[in-house]
Amino acid sequence: DAKVKNVLNGKVVFAGKSSMLGKVVVVAHSGKMHTVYAGLSKIAPNIKTGRKIKRGYVVGKVKSKLMFQATKNSKHINPLKLIKI
């Protein structure tokens, strides 16, 4: 499994299962931005709702496919702009 890392400093607002997306972590960031990590094979054990996490913090693991989404002011934005390779 590959590690999935948080892209920006923020606060976990959801960490759990979704009937449609499987295991999901949602992080709120400054500027009314949110990132969604879905399709995780495992959520990291220390990722809990309300926890503040920094950029690069491991939120979970993924086997083959990750659904990564970013929104600002409830509108979708290109998540590739947030990824540093």
C-alpha atoms as a PDB file:
ATOM      1  CA  ASP A   1       0.000   0.000   0.000  1.00  0.00           C
ATOM      2  CA  ALA A   2       1.174   3.548  -0.780  1.00  0.00           C
ATOM      3  CA  LYS A   3       1.086   6.301   1.844  1.00  0.00           C
ATOM      4  CA  VAL A   4      -1.336   9.189   1.272  1.00  0.00           C
ATOM      5  CA  LYS A   5      -0.102  12.521   2.632  1.00  0.00           C
ATOM      6  CA  ASN A   6      -2.015  15.675   3.482  1.00  0.00           C
ATOM      7  CA  VAL A   7      -1.257  18.500   1.002  1.00  0.00           C
ATOM      8  CA  LEU A   8      -1.811  21.552   3.259  1.00  0.00           C
ATOM      9  CA  ASN A   9      -1.931  22.347   6.978  1.00  0.00           C
ATOM     10  CA  GLY A  10      -5.468  21.898   8.278  1.00  0.00           C
ATOM     11  CA  LYS A  11      -7.958  20.207  10.574  1.00  0.00           C
ATOM     12  CA  VAL A  12      -9.617  16.818  10.037  1.00  0.00           C
ATOM     13  CA  VAL A  13     -13.384  17.360   9.768  1.00  0.00           C
ATOM     14  CA  PHE A  14     -14.286  13.775   8.814  1.00  0.00           C
ATOM     15  CA  ALA A  15     -12.496  10.444   9.035  1.00  0.00           C
ATOM     16  CA  GLY A  16     -14.563   7.343   8.446  1.00  0.00           C
ATOM     17  CA  LYS A  17     -16.523   5.242   5.979  1.00  0.00           C
ATOM     18  CA  SER A  18     -18.843   6.400   3.227  1.00  0.00           C
ATOM     19  CA  SER A  19     -21.212   3.998   1.470  1.00  0.00           C
ATOM     20  CA  MET A  20     -20.181   5.418  -1.919  1.00  0.00           C
ATOM     21  CA  LEU A  21     -16.518   6.337  -1.414  1.00  0.00           C
ATOM     22  CA  GLY A  22     -15.250   3.769   1.097  1.00  0.00           C
ATOM     23  CA  LYS A  23     -12.770   5.042   3.676  1.00  0.00           C
ATOM     24  CA  VAL A  24     -12.549   8.837   3.527  1.00  0.00           C
ATOM     25  CA  VAL A  25     -10.629  11.664   5.192  1.00  0.00           C
ATOM     26  CA  VAL A  26     -11.766  15.285   4.746  1.00  0.00           C
ATOM     27  CA  VAL A  27      -9.471  18.119   5.838  1.00  0.00           C
ATOM     28  CA  ALA A  28     -10.478  21.790   6.229  1.00  0.00           C
ATOM     29  CA  HIS A  29      -7.825  24.386   5.439  1.00  0.00           C
ATOM     30  CA  SER A  30      -7.616  28.169   5.734  1.00  0.00           C
ATOM     31  CA  GLY A  31      -9.401  30.233   3.095  1.00  0.00           C
ATOM     32  CA  LYS A  32     -12.525  28.023   3.106  1.00  0.00           C
ATOM     33  CA  MET A  33     -10.665  25.216   1.338  1.00  0.00           C
ATOM     34  CA  HIS A  34     -11.276  21.488   1.830  1.00  0.00           C
ATOM     35  CA  THR A  35      -9.468  18.421   0.538  1.00  0.00           C
ATOM     36  CA  VAL A  36     -10.992  14.955   0.282  1.00  0.00           C
ATOM     37  CA  TYR A  37      -8.995  11.719   0.231  1.00  0.00           C
ATOM     38  CA  ALA A  38     -11.300   8.798  -0.671  1.00  0.00           C
ATOM     39  CA  GLY A  39     -10.929   5.158  -1.615  1.00  0.00           C
ATOM     40  CA  LEU A  40      -8.357   4.626   1.111  1.00  0.00           C
ATOM     41  CA  SER A  41      -7.487   1.048   2.029  1.00  0.00           C
ATOM     42  CA  LYS A  42      -6.682   2.231   5.553  1.00  0.00           C
ATOM     43  CA  ILE A  43      -7.101   5.448   7.542  1.00  0.00           C
ATOM     44  CA  ALA A  44      -4.064   6.184   9.715  1.00  0.00           C
ATOM     45  CA  PRO A  45      -4.902   5.251  13.341  1.00  0.00           C
ATOM     46  CA  ASN A  46      -4.146   8.737  14.703  1.00  0.00           C
ATOM     47  CA  ILE A  47      -6.378  10.537  12.177  1.00  0.00           C
ATOM     48  CA  LYS A  48      -9.482  11.590  14.099  1.00  0.00           C
ATOM     49  CA  THR A  49     -12.097  14.298  13.584  1.00  0.00           C
ATOM     50  CA  GLY A  50     -10.887  17.537  15.171  1.00  0.00           C
ATOM     51  CA  ARG A  51      -7.170  16.752  14.925  1.00  0.00           C
ATOM     52  CA  LYS A  52      -4.928  19.445  13.433  1.00  0.00           C
ATOM     53  CA  ILE A  53      -2.447  18.071  10.908  1.00  0.00           C
ATOM     54  CA  LYS A  54       0.399  19.572   8.929  1.00  0.00           C
ATOM     55  CA  ARG A  55       1.292  19.331   5.256  1.00  0.00           C
ATOM     56  CA  GLY A  56       2.937  15.977   4.552  1.00  0.00           C
ATOM     57  CA  TYR A  57       1.238  14.155   7.436  1.00  0.00           C
ATOM     58  CA  VAL A  58       0.143  10.632   6.483  1.00  0.00           C
ATOM     59  CA  VAL A  59      -3.675  10.398   6.503  1.00  0.00           C
ATOM     60  CA  GLY A  60      -3.876   6.816   5.290  1.00  0.00           C
ATOM     61  CA  LYS A  61      -2.882   4.256   2.686  1.00  0.00           C
ATOM     62  CA  VAL A  62      -4.203   3.339  -0.747  1.00  0.00           C
ATOM     63  CA  LYS A  63      -3.865   0.143  -2.785  1.00  0.00           C
ATOM     64  CA  SER A  64      -4.394   1.248  -6.392  1.00  0.00           C
ATOM     65  CA  LYS A  65      -6.767   4.210  -6.816  1.00  0.00           C
ATOM     66  CA  LEU A  66      -7.158   7.378  -4.786  1.00  0.00           C
ATOM     67  CA  MET A  67      -9.973   9.871  -5.283  1.00  0.00           C
ATOM     68  CA  PHE A  68      -8.492  13.270  -4.413  1.00  0.00           C
ATOM     69  CA  GLN A  69     -10.712  16.343  -4.515  1.00  0.00           C
ATOM     70  CA  ALA A  70     -10.233  19.980  -3.542  1.00  0.00           C
ATOM     71  CA  THR A  71     -12.801  22.733  -3.043  1.00  0.00           C
ATOM     72  CA  LYS A  72     -12.583  26.421  -2.221  1.00  0.00           C
ATOM     73  CA  ASN A  73     -15.714  28.312  -1.180  1.00  0.00           C
ATOM     74  CA  SER A  74     -17.635  25.088  -1.979  1.00  0.00           C
ATOM     75  CA  LYS A  75     -16.461  25.160  -5.627  1.00  0.00           C
ATOM     76  CA  HIS A  76     -14.210  22.512  -7.125  1.00  0.00           C
ATOM     77  CA  ILE A  77     -10.651  23.558  -7.939  1.00  0.00           C
ATOM     78  CA  ASN A  78      -7.883  21.722  -9.780  1.00  0.00           C
ATOM     79  CA  PRO A  79      -6.252  19.526  -7.089  1.00  0.00           C
ATOM     80  CA  LEU A  80      -3.066  19.161  -9.145  1.00  0.00           C
ATOM     81  CA  LYS A  81      -2.186  22.735  -8.182  1.00  0.00           C
ATOM     82  CA  LEU A  82      -1.894  21.564  -4.554  1.00  0.00           C
ATOM     83  CA  ILE A  83       0.410  18.604  -5.166  1.00  0.00           C
ATOM     84  CA  LYS A  84       4.167  19.043  -4.898  1.00  0.00           C
ATOM     85  CA  ILE A  85       6.068  16.206  -6.525  1.00  0.00           C
END
